[in-house]
Amino acid sequence: MSNEAQFSASRLEEIFSAAADNHRMLSATADQKAFDGLAAGDASLTAECISITVSDRKLCFKLPAPISKDWCFTVPSWIPNGTAAQACLSVCHKLGIPSGVKVTVTVAGSVIYQQTFGFC
């Protein structure tokens, strides 16, 4: 893989921090008797969306640290080479603690692929 699109490590770090902040705010505003267990469950925040292009029937991207993974997948035959796509990276967390990331890829407004790394 040589020219694949890359997500920003700094954007990922911002989302880790935002997830912890959101959990702290939830905890601070809820008194123990009225704690909303449903609102305290799993959540996900989108860190970044990037443009990617189909090449050799594949879409490729790099995930930043701490994941540090190069990833490619084959697209369906109805998506020709050169087609523009968008890949969005979301951080999944439970109680403000990151548990994984999910990449969602769309072409022409339709989700064509989702991949989870860790738990979402």
N, C-alpha and C. Protein backbone atom coordinates (compact mmCIF):
# COMPACT_ATOMS: atom_id res chain seq x y z
N MET A 1 0.85 -1.18 0.00
CA MET A 1 0.00 0.00 0.00
C MET A 1 0.89 1.23 0.00
N SER A 2 0.67 2.10 -0.97
CA SER A 2 1.58 3.24 -1.07
C SER A 2 0.91 4.58 -0.85
N ASN A 3 -0.20 4.86 -1.50
CA ASN A 3 -0.79 6.19 -1.42
C ASN A 3 -2.17 6.19 -0.78
N GLU A 4 -2.40 5.34 0.20
CA GLU A 4 -3.72 5.30 0.79
C GLU A 4 -3.97 6.52 1.68
N ALA A 5 -5.23 6.83 1.85
CA ALA A 5 -5.63 7.96 2.68
C ALA A 5 -5.33 7.66 4.14
N GLN A 6 -5.15 8.70 4.91
CA GLN A 6 -4.76 8.51 6.30
C GLN A 6 -5.61 9.37 7.22
N PHE A 7 -6.08 8.77 8.31
CA PHE A 7 -6.78 9.51 9.35
C PHE A 7 -5.76 10.21 10.24
N SER A 8 -6.16 11.30 10.85
CA SER A 8 -5.29 12.12 11.69
C SER A 8 -5.23 11.60 13.13
N ALA A 9 -4.03 11.39 13.63
CA ALA A 9 -3.85 10.96 15.02
C ALA A 9 -4.33 12.03 15.99
N SER A 10 -4.13 13.30 15.65
CA SER A 10 -4.56 14.37 16.56
C SER A 10 -6.08 14.43 16.67
N ARG A 11 -6.79 14.16 15.58
CA ARG A 11 -8.26 14.13 15.64
C ARG A 11 -8.74 12.98 16.53
N LEU A 12 -8.06 11.86 16.45
CA LEU A 12 -8.42 10.72 17.28
C LEU A 12 -8.21 11.05 18.75
N GLU A 13 -7.10 11.68 19.07
CA GLU A 13 -6.83 12.08 20.46
C GLU A 13 -7.88 13.07 20.97
N GLU A 14 -8.31 14.01 20.12
CA GLU A 14 -9.35 14.96 20.51
C GLU A 14 -10.64 14.24 20.90
N ILE A 15 -10.98 13.21 20.14
CA ILE A 15 -12.21 12.47 20.41
C ILE A 15 -12.09 11.64 21.68
N PHE A 16 -10.91 11.07 21.95
CA PHE A 16 -10.71 10.37 23.22
C PHE A 16 -10.98 11.32 24.38
N SER A 17 -10.46 12.53 24.27
CA SER A 17 -10.65 13.54 25.31
C SER A 17 -12.12 13.96 25.42
N ALA A 18 -12.77 14.16 24.28
CA ALA A 18 -14.18 14.56 24.28
C ALA A 18 -15.06 13.49 24.92
N ALA A 19 -14.77 12.23 24.66
CA ALA A 19 -15.55 11.14 25.25
C ALA A 19 -15.43 11.17 26.77
N ALA A 20 -14.23 11.38 27.27
CA ALA A 20 -14.03 11.46 28.73
C ALA A 20 -14.74 12.68 29.30
N ASP A 21 -14.66 13.82 28.60
CA ASP A 21 -15.36 15.03 29.05
C ASP A 21 -16.86 14.83 29.10
N ASN A 22 -17.42 14.19 28.07
CA ASN A 22 -18.86 13.95 28.04
C ASN A 22 -19.29 13.07 29.20
N HIS A 23 -18.51 12.07 29.52
CA HIS A 23 -18.85 11.20 30.65
C HIS A 23 -18.76 11.97 31.97
N ARG A 24 -17.73 12.81 32.11
CA ARG A 24 -17.61 13.61 33.35
C ARG A 24 -18.81 14.55 33.51
N MET A 25 -19.25 15.18 32.41
CA MET A 25 -20.41 16.06 32.49
C MET A 25 -21.66 15.29 32.88
N LEU A 26 -21.85 14.12 32.30
CA LEU A 26 -23.01 13.29 32.64
C LEU A 26 -22.98 12.92 34.11
N SER A 27 -21.83 12.53 34.60
CA SER A 27 -21.69 12.14 36.01
C SER A 27 -21.90 13.32 36.94
N ALA A 28 -21.42 14.49 36.57
CA ALA A 28 -21.53 15.67 37.42
C ALA A 28 -22.96 16.19 37.51
N THR A 29 -23.74 16.03 36.44
CA THR A 29 -25.09 16.58 36.43
C THR A 29 -26.14 15.62 36.98
N ALA A 30 -25.79 14.36 37.11
CA ALA A 30 -26.76 13.38 37.60
C ALA A 30 -26.53 13.13 39.08
N ASP A 31 -27.59 13.33 39.89
CA ASP A 31 -27.42 12.92 41.27
C ASP A 31 -27.65 11.41 41.35
N GLN A 32 -27.20 10.79 42.40
CA GLN A 32 -27.22 9.33 42.48
C GLN A 32 -28.62 8.74 42.37
N LYS A 33 -29.64 9.44 42.83
CA LYS A 33 -31.00 8.91 42.77
C LYS A 33 -31.58 8.99 41.37
N ALA A 34 -31.14 9.95 40.57
CA ALA A 34 -31.72 10.15 39.25
C ALA A 34 -30.74 9.79 38.14
N PHE A 35 -29.74 8.98 38.44
CA PHE A 35 -28.75 8.62 37.44
C PHE A 35 -29.42 7.91 36.27
N ASP A 36 -29.17 8.36 35.07
CA ASP A 36 -29.77 7.80 33.87
C ASP A 36 -28.85 6.73 33.29
N GLY A 37 -29.10 5.50 33.66
CA GLY A 37 -28.28 4.39 33.19
C GLY A 37 -28.30 4.23 31.68
N LEU A 38 -29.42 4.58 31.04
CA LEU A 38 -29.50 4.47 29.59
C LEU A 38 -28.56 5.46 28.92
N ALA A 39 -28.48 6.68 29.44
CA ALA A 39 -27.60 7.70 28.86
C ALA A 39 -26.13 7.41 29.15
N ALA A 40 -25.88 6.59 30.13
CA ALA A 40 -24.49 6.30 30.51
C ALA A 40 -23.92 5.11 29.76
N GLY A 41 -24.66 4.56 28.82
CA GLY A 41 -24.22 3.36 28.11
C GLY A 41 -23.19 3.65 27.03
N ASP A 42 -23.19 2.80 26.03
CA ASP A 42 -22.25 2.93 24.92
C ASP A 42 -22.56 4.18 24.10
N ALA A 43 -21.52 4.79 23.57
CA ALA A 43 -21.68 5.96 22.71
C ALA A 43 -20.57 5.95 21.67
N SER A 44 -20.72 6.79 20.69
CA SER A 44 -19.71 6.89 19.64
C SER A 44 -19.65 8.32 19.15
N LEU A 45 -18.44 8.80 18.89
CA LEU A 45 -18.22 10.14 18.36
C LEU A 45 -17.40 10.04 17.09
N THR A 46 -17.81 10.78 16.05
CA THR A 46 -17.04 10.76 14.81
C THR A 46 -15.83 11.66 14.96
N ALA A 47 -14.67 11.09 14.68
CA ALA A 47 -13.41 11.82 14.79
C ALA A 47 -13.10 12.59 13.52
N GLU A 48 -13.35 11.95 12.37
CA GLU A 48 -12.92 12.56 11.12
C GLU A 48 -13.49 11.77 9.95
N CYS A 49 -13.73 12.48 8.86
CA CYS A 49 -14.09 11.85 7.59
C CYS A 49 -13.06 12.26 6.56
N ILE A 50 -12.63 11.31 5.75
CA ILE A 50 -11.63 11.58 4.72
C ILE A 50 -12.14 11.07 3.37
N SER A 51 -11.59 11.62 2.31
CA SER A 51 -11.91 11.17 0.96
C SER A 51 -10.95 10.06 0.56
N ILE A 52 -11.51 9.03 -0.06
CA ILE A 52 -10.69 7.94 -0.59
C ILE A 52 -11.20 7.61 -1.99
N THR A 53 -10.37 6.96 -2.78
CA THR A 53 -10.71 6.66 -4.17
C THR A 53 -10.47 5.18 -4.45
N VAL A 54 -11.43 4.59 -5.17
CA VAL A 54 -11.30 3.18 -5.55
C VAL A 54 -10.16 3.03 -6.54
N SER A 55 -9.28 2.09 -6.25
CA SER A 55 -8.16 1.78 -7.13
C SER A 55 -7.98 0.26 -7.15
N ASP A 56 -7.95 -0.34 -8.32
CA ASP A 56 -7.82 -1.79 -8.47
C ASP A 56 -8.91 -2.53 -7.68
N ARG A 57 -10.13 -1.99 -7.70
CA ARG A 57 -11.30 -2.53 -6.99
C ARG A 57 -11.10 -2.59 -5.48
N LYS A 58 -10.23 -1.72 -4.97
CA LYS A 58 -9.97 -1.69 -3.53
C LYS A 58 -10.05 -0.26 -3.01
N LEU A 59 -10.38 -0.15 -1.75
CA LEU A 59 -10.27 1.09 -1.00
C LEU A 59 -9.31 0.84 0.14
N CYS A 60 -8.36 1.75 0.33
CA CYS A 60 -7.34 1.58 1.37
C CYS A 60 -7.24 2.84 2.21
N PHE A 61 -6.91 2.65 3.48
CA PHE A 61 -6.68 3.78 4.37
C PHE A 61 -5.77 3.33 5.50
N LYS A 62 -5.19 4.32 6.19
CA LYS A 62 -4.34 4.06 7.35
C LYS A 62 -5.04 4.58 8.59
N LEU A 63 -5.03 3.76 9.62
CA LEU A 63 -5.57 4.18 10.91
C LEU A 63 -4.42 4.67 11.77
N PRO A 64 -4.62 5.77 12.50
CA PRO A 64 -3.53 6.35 13.30
C PRO A 64 -3.27 5.58 14.58
N ALA A 65 -2.17 5.93 15.25
CA ALA A 65 -1.87 5.40 16.58
C ALA A 65 -3.00 5.83 17.51
N PRO A 66 -3.38 5.06 18.45
CA PRO A 66 -2.72 3.84 18.92
C PRO A 66 -3.10 2.58 18.13
N ILE A 67 -3.93 2.71 17.09
CA ILE A 67 -4.32 1.54 16.32
C ILE A 67 -3.22 1.16 15.33
N SER A 68 -2.72 2.15 14.60
CA SER A 68 -1.60 1.98 13.67
C SER A 68 -1.78 0.77 12.75
N LYS A 69 -2.79 0.85 11.91
CA LYS A 69 -3.09 -0.27 11.03
C LYS A 69 -3.36 0.23 9.62
N ASP A 70 -2.79 -0.45 8.62
CA ASP A 70 -3.12 -0.21 7.22
C ASP A 70 -4.25 -1.17 6.88
N TRP A 71 -5.27 -0.68 6.17
CA TRP A 71 -6.42 -1.52 5.90
C TRP A 71 -6.89 -1.32 4.47
N CYS A 72 -7.13 -2.39 3.75
CA CYS A 72 -7.71 -2.37 2.41
C CYS A 72 -8.85 -3.37 2.36
N PHE A 73 -9.83 -3.10 1.54
CA PHE A 73 -10.89 -4.06 1.30
C PHE A 73 -11.34 -3.95 -0.15
N THR A 74 -11.84 -5.03 -0.68
CA THR A 74 -12.32 -5.09 -2.06
C THR A 74 -13.76 -4.58 -2.11
N VAL A 75 -14.04 -3.74 -3.10
CA VAL A 75 -15.39 -3.18 -3.25
C VAL A 75 -16.20 -4.02 -4.22
N PRO A 76 -17.52 -3.92 -4.17
CA PRO A 76 -18.36 -4.66 -5.12
C PRO A 76 -18.06 -4.22 -6.56
N SER A 77 -18.35 -5.10 -7.50
CA SER A 77 -18.02 -4.84 -8.91
C SER A 77 -18.77 -3.65 -9.51
N TRP A 78 -19.90 -3.26 -8.93
CA TRP A 78 -20.66 -2.13 -9.47
C TRP A 78 -20.02 -0.78 -9.14
N ILE A 79 -18.94 -0.79 -8.35
CA ILE A 79 -18.23 0.45 -8.02
C ILE A 79 -16.94 0.48 -8.84
N PRO A 80 -16.88 1.33 -9.89
CA PRO A 80 -15.71 1.31 -10.78
C PRO A 80 -14.48 1.99 -10.17
N ASN A 81 -13.31 1.63 -10.70
CA ASN A 81 -12.08 2.31 -10.31
C ASN A 81 -12.24 3.80 -10.54
N GLY A 82 -11.63 4.60 -9.65
CA GLY A 82 -11.71 6.05 -9.75
C GLY A 82 -12.89 6.66 -9.01
N THR A 83 -13.79 5.83 -8.51
CA THR A 83 -14.95 6.33 -7.78
C THR A 83 -14.52 6.95 -6.46
N ALA A 84 -15.05 8.12 -6.18
CA ALA A 84 -14.77 8.80 -4.91
C ALA A 84 -15.65 8.20 -3.81
N ALA A 85 -15.06 8.03 -2.65
CA ALA A 85 -15.78 7.51 -1.49
C ALA A 85 -15.40 8.36 -0.28
N GLN A 86 -16.13 8.18 0.79
CA GLN A 86 -15.82 8.87 2.04
C GLN A 86 -15.71 7.83 3.14
N ALA A 87 -14.66 7.93 3.94
CA ALA A 87 -14.47 7.04 5.08
C ALA A 87 -14.50 7.88 6.34
N CYS A 88 -15.36 7.49 7.28
CA CYS A 88 -15.47 8.21 8.55
C CYS A 88 -15.03 7.30 9.68
N LEU A 89 -14.23 7.86 10.57
CA LEU A 89 -13.70 7.13 11.72
C LEU A 89 -14.43 7.60 12.98
N SER A 90 -15.08 6.67 13.67
CA SER A 90 -15.78 6.97 14.91
C SER A 90 -15.13 6.22 16.05
N VAL A 91 -15.06 6.87 17.20
CA VAL A 91 -14.52 6.23 18.40
C VAL A 91 -15.70 5.78 19.27
N CYS A 92 -15.70 4.51 19.61
CA CYS A 92 -16.73 3.95 20.49
C CYS A 92 -16.20 3.99 21.92
N HIS A 93 -17.09 4.31 22.84
CA HIS A 93 -16.66 4.34 24.23
C HIS A 93 -17.81 3.93 25.14
N LYS A 94 -17.43 3.47 26.30
CA LYS A 94 -18.38 3.09 27.34
C LYS A 94 -17.95 3.80 28.60
N LEU A 95 -18.84 4.60 29.15
CA LEU A 95 -18.55 5.37 30.36
C LEU A 95 -17.31 6.25 30.18
N GLY A 96 -17.12 6.78 28.97
CA GLY A 96 -16.00 7.68 28.71
C GLY A 96 -14.68 7.01 28.40
N ILE A 97 -14.66 5.69 28.41
CA ILE A 97 -13.42 4.95 28.14
C ILE A 97 -13.49 4.37 26.73
N PRO A 98 -12.53 4.73 25.86
CA PRO A 98 -12.55 4.21 24.49
C PRO A 98 -12.49 2.68 24.49
N SER A 99 -13.35 2.08 23.65
CA SER A 99 -13.38 0.62 23.57
C SER A 99 -13.10 0.11 22.16
N GLY A 100 -13.08 1.02 21.19
CA GLY A 100 -12.81 0.61 19.82
C GLY A 100 -13.08 1.74 18.86
N VAL A 101 -12.84 1.49 17.58
CA VAL A 101 -13.15 2.45 16.53
C VAL A 101 -13.92 1.74 15.43
N LYS A 102 -14.75 2.50 14.73
CA LYS A 102 -15.49 1.96 13.60
C LYS A 102 -15.25 2.85 12.40
N VAL A 103 -14.95 2.24 11.27
CA VAL A 103 -14.81 2.96 10.01
C VAL A 103 -16.05 2.66 9.18
N THR A 104 -16.71 3.73 8.71
CA THR A 104 -17.88 3.60 7.85
C THR A 104 -17.54 4.23 6.51
N VAL A 105 -17.70 3.47 5.43
CA VAL A 105 -17.36 3.95 4.09
C VAL A 105 -18.65 4.11 3.30
N THR A 106 -18.79 5.30 2.68
CA THR A 106 -19.96 5.56 1.85
C THR A 106 -19.53 5.92 0.43
N VAL A 107 -20.36 5.50 -0.51
CA VAL A 107 -20.20 5.86 -1.92
C VAL A 107 -21.55 6.39 -2.38
N ALA A 108 -21.56 7.59 -2.92
CA ALA A 108 -22.79 8.22 -3.42
C ALA A 108 -23.91 8.18 -2.38
N GLY A 109 -23.55 8.42 -1.13
CA GLY A 109 -24.53 8.50 -0.05
C GLY A 109 -24.97 7.17 0.53
N SER A 110 -24.47 6.06 0.02
CA SER A 110 -24.85 4.74 0.54
C SER A 110 -23.67 4.11 1.27
N VAL A 111 -23.96 3.56 2.45
CA VAL A 111 -22.93 2.85 3.20
C VAL A 111 -22.63 1.55 2.47
N ILE A 112 -21.34 1.35 2.13
CA ILE A 112 -20.95 0.12 1.44
C ILE A 112 -20.10 -0.78 2.33
N TYR A 113 -19.58 -0.24 3.44
CA TYR A 113 -18.67 -1.03 4.26
C TYR A 113 -18.58 -0.43 5.65
N GLN A 114 -18.53 -1.29 6.64
CA GLN A 114 -18.24 -0.88 8.01
C GLN A 114 -17.30 -1.91 8.61
N GLN A 115 -16.32 -1.42 9.31
CA GLN A 115 -15.35 -2.30 9.97
C GLN A 115 -15.10 -1.77 11.38
N THR A 116 -15.17 -2.67 12.34
CA THR A 116 -14.90 -2.30 13.72
C THR A 116 -13.57 -2.88 14.16
N PHE A 117 -12.80 -2.07 14.85
CA PHE A 117 -11.54 -2.51 15.45
C PHE A 117 -11.72 -2.33 16.96
N GLY A 118 -11.72 -3.40 17.70
CA GLY A 118 -12.05 -3.34 19.12
C GLY A 118 -13.54 -3.62 19.28
N PHE A 119 -14.17 -2.95 20.23
CA PHE A 119 -15.58 -3.20 20.55
C PHE A 119 -16.40 -1.95 20.36
N CYS A 120 -17.47 -2.08 19.59
CA CYS A 120 -18.41 -0.98 19.37
C CYS A 120 -19.83 -1.49 19.52
